[in-house]
């Protein structure tokens, strides 16, 4: 059974409304956001028993997807959580690459420009800074010059990798890693 299209977006909107209502910061108050997400998914799942809404194929997968969308790095989160991924980069929204065991792979992940902009904003927020994606690229380049074991390849606003930077990591990098990297 597959969850019907639109259900994820509806649940995402509901969670975001609750996050705004409760004035939560998803990147700081992840446990509270997870509790909201679990409640929204559980309520939807129970309501599906009445036939008023579509059933979820996998409620736990829905919780993970909603957490990635609301409190993580969206469609990139599975790569950030995967210890076999050494590098992640975006050449353009429709070209997201990863490196595993030194081999580059084009993923099936396709982003929109709006999703890339949202990811940039989240990375800026995680770093405690605000600015443009060009600013973020420069900050990441500076941080990675200090700690090259982190793996965010800086790109310009068009998504083109900045010259002279090939970045690899031995460990995965999440939002807290990015924050500590940019603070040094």
Protein backbone atom coordinates (compact mmCIF):
# COMPACT_ATOMS: atom_id res chain seq x y z
CA UNK A 1 0.00 0.00 0.00
CA UNK A 2 1.36 3.42 -0.94
CA UNK A 3 0.40 6.64 0.81
CA UNK A 4 -1.63 8.77 -1.64
CA UNK A 5 -0.08 11.91 -3.08
CA UNK A 6 -0.94 15.04 -1.16
CA UNK A 7 -1.15 13.33 2.24
CA UNK A 8 2.50 14.14 3.03
CA UNK A 9 2.01 17.78 2.06
CA UNK A 10 -1.17 18.03 4.15
CA UNK A 11 0.52 16.53 7.20
CA UNK A 12 3.56 18.76 6.63
CA UNK A 13 1.31 21.83 6.58
CA UNK A 14 -0.45 20.69 9.77
CA UNK A 15 2.86 20.16 11.60
CA UNK A 16 4.18 23.55 10.46
CA UNK A 17 0.99 25.24 11.67
CA UNK A 18 1.42 23.62 15.10
CA UNK A 19 5.12 24.57 15.22
CA UNK A 20 4.20 28.19 14.46
CA UNK A 21 1.30 28.14 16.94
CA UNK A 22 3.55 26.83 19.70
CA UNK A 23 6.43 29.10 18.63
CA UNK A 24 8.89 26.22 18.43
CA UNK A 25 12.29 26.37 16.82
CA UNK A 26 12.52 23.02 14.96
CA UNK A 27 16.31 23.01 14.91
CA UNK A 28 16.61 23.73 18.62
CA UNK A 29 13.51 22.01 20.01
CA UNK A 30 13.66 18.81 17.99
CA UNK A 31 12.19 16.61 20.73
CA UNK A 32 9.10 18.81 21.02
CA UNK A 33 8.71 18.90 17.24
CA UNK A 34 9.05 15.09 17.10
CA UNK A 35 6.29 14.80 19.68
CA UNK A 36 4.04 17.04 17.54
CA UNK A 37 4.87 15.05 14.41
CA UNK A 38 4.13 11.74 16.13
CA UNK A 39 0.81 13.11 17.40
CA UNK A 40 -0.20 14.40 13.95
CA UNK A 41 0.70 11.08 12.32
CA UNK A 42 -1.04 9.05 15.03
CA UNK A 43 -4.21 11.18 14.76
CA UNK A 44 -4.20 10.83 10.97
CA UNK A 45 -3.66 7.09 11.23
CA UNK A 46 -6.58 6.74 13.68
CA UNK A 47 -8.81 8.91 11.48
CA UNK A 48 -7.96 6.70 8.51
CA UNK A 49 -9.71 3.82 10.28
CA UNK A 50 -12.99 5.69 9.76
CA UNK A 51 -12.33 6.03 6.03
CA UNK A 52 -12.42 9.84 6.19
CA UNK A 53 -8.75 10.15 5.20
CA UNK A 54 -6.34 7.91 3.31
CA UNK A 55 -4.37 5.37 5.31
CA UNK A 56 -0.60 5.75 5.68
CA UNK A 57 1.52 3.01 4.16
CA UNK A 58 4.16 3.32 6.91
CA UNK A 59 3.45 5.68 9.82
CA UNK A 60 7.04 5.50 11.13
CA UNK A 61 8.43 6.39 7.69
CA UNK A 62 5.97 9.30 7.62
CA UNK A 63 7.30 10.52 10.99
CA UNK A 64 10.86 10.36 9.65
CA UNK A 65 9.92 12.18 6.44
CA UNK A 66 8.07 14.93 8.31
CA UNK A 67 10.98 15.36 10.75
CA UNK A 68 13.40 15.68 7.82
CA UNK A 69 11.14 18.27 6.19
CA UNK A 70 10.39 20.32 9.28
CA UNK A 71 13.43 19.96 11.54
CA UNK A 72 16.14 18.53 9.29
CA UNK A 73 17.54 19.19 5.85
CA UNK A 74 14.60 17.87 3.85
CA UNK A 75 15.40 15.53 0.99
CA UNK A 76 19.12 15.70 1.85
CA UNK A 77 18.60 14.38 5.40
CA UNK A 78 18.86 10.67 4.49
CA UNK A 79 22.29 11.34 2.96
CA UNK A 80 23.41 13.30 6.03
CA UNK A 81 22.28 10.42 8.25
CA UNK A 82 23.95 7.74 6.11
CA UNK A 83 27.44 6.96 7.47
CA UNK A 84 28.52 5.59 4.07
CA UNK A 85 28.04 9.00 2.44
CA UNK A 86 31.32 10.90 2.36
CA UNK A 87 30.24 13.95 0.37
CA UNK A 88 27.04 15.64 -0.76
CA UNK A 89 26.83 18.37 -3.36
CA UNK A 90 24.26 20.09 -5.51
CA UNK A 91 25.29 21.20 -8.98
CA UNK A 92 21.78 22.44 -9.67
CA UNK A 93 18.42 21.59 -8.10
CA UNK A 94 17.94 18.63 -10.42
CA UNK A 95 21.48 17.28 -9.87
CA UNK A 96 22.25 16.11 -6.34
CA UNK A 97 25.38 13.97 -6.02
CA UNK A 98 26.84 11.88 -3.22
CA UNK A 99 30.14 10.10 -2.84
CA UNK A 100 30.39 6.68 -1.25
CA UNK A 101 33.67 4.80 -0.92
CA UNK A 102 35.30 7.44 -3.11
CA UNK A 103 32.83 6.97 -5.98
CA UNK A 104 30.53 9.78 -7.07
CA UNK A 105 26.88 8.97 -7.74
CA UNK A 106 24.10 11.06 -9.22
CA UNK A 107 21.14 10.52 -6.91
CA UNK A 108 17.49 10.36 -7.87
CA UNK A 109 16.85 13.33 -5.59
CA UNK A 110 15.45 16.31 -7.46
CA UNK A 111 15.00 19.58 -5.62
CA UNK A 112 13.22 22.76 -6.60
CA UNK A 113 14.96 26.14 -6.43
CA UNK A 114 12.70 26.96 -3.47
CA UNK A 115 13.89 23.82 -1.65
CA UNK A 116 17.52 24.77 -2.26
CA UNK A 117 16.80 28.26 -0.90
CA UNK A 118 15.14 26.73 2.18
CA UNK A 119 18.14 24.43 2.73
CA UNK A 120 20.48 27.41 2.51
CA UNK A 121 18.38 29.30 5.06
CA UNK A 122 18.39 26.31 7.41
CA UNK A 123 22.15 25.98 7.10
CA UNK A 124 22.54 29.68 7.81
CA UNK A 125 20.29 29.36 10.84
CA UNK A 126 22.19 26.30 12.05
CA UNK A 127 25.39 28.33 11.79
CA UNK A 128 23.84 31.23 13.71
CA UNK A 129 24.24 33.52 10.71
CA UNK A 130 21.97 35.19 8.19
CA UNK A 131 22.70 36.20 4.63
CA UNK A 132 22.63 35.08 1.04
CA UNK A 133 23.58 31.70 -0.38
CA UNK A 134 26.77 33.34 -1.68
CA UNK A 135 27.55 34.34 1.93
CA UNK A 136 26.88 30.78 3.08
CA UNK A 137 29.16 29.37 0.38
CA UNK A 138 31.95 31.65 1.53
CA UNK A 139 31.41 30.76 5.18
CA UNK A 140 31.46 27.06 4.42
CA UNK A 141 34.60 27.48 2.32
CA UNK A 142 36.31 29.29 5.20
CA UNK A 143 35.17 26.70 7.74
CA UNK A 144 36.24 23.83 5.53
CA UNK A 145 39.64 25.39 4.98
CA UNK A 146 40.00 25.10 8.77
CA UNK A 147 38.36 21.66 9.08
CA UNK A 148 38.47 19.88 5.71
CA UNK A 149 37.02 16.69 7.21
CA UNK A 150 33.52 18.20 6.93
CA UNK A 151 31.65 17.74 3.69
CA UNK A 152 29.55 20.56 2.35
CA UNK A 153 30.86 21.57 -1.07
CA UNK A 154 30.34 25.31 -1.50
CA UNK A 155 28.52 26.48 -4.60
CA UNK A 156 27.63 29.86 -6.04
CA UNK A 157 24.03 31.09 -6.26
CA UNK A 158 23.53 29.17 -9.52
CA UNK A 159 24.58 25.94 -7.80
CA UNK A 160 27.95 25.71 -9.57
CA UNK A 161 30.74 24.33 -7.37
CA UNK A 162 33.31 26.94 -6.43
CA UNK A 163 36.69 26.29 -8.08
CA UNK A 164 39.49 24.52 -6.28
CA UNK A 165 37.34 22.82 -3.65
CA UNK A 166 37.05 19.07 -3.48
CA UNK A 167 35.81 18.25 -0.03
CA UNK A 168 35.50 14.82 1.51
CA UNK A 169 34.65 13.64 4.98
CA UNK A 170 35.36 10.60 7.03
CA UNK A 171 32.29 11.26 9.18
CA UNK A 172 28.74 12.37 8.38
CA UNK A 173 27.86 16.00 8.99
CA UNK A 174 24.54 17.04 10.48
CA UNK A 175 23.21 20.43 11.49
CA UNK A 176 25.04 20.44 14.84
CA UNK A 177 28.30 19.58 13.03
CA UNK A 178 27.75 22.49 10.64
CA UNK A 179 27.10 24.83 13.55
CA UNK A 180 30.29 23.81 15.36
CA UNK A 181 32.30 23.94 12.14
CA UNK A 182 31.22 27.50 11.35
CA UNK A 183 31.79 28.67 14.93
CA UNK A 184 35.50 27.74 14.86
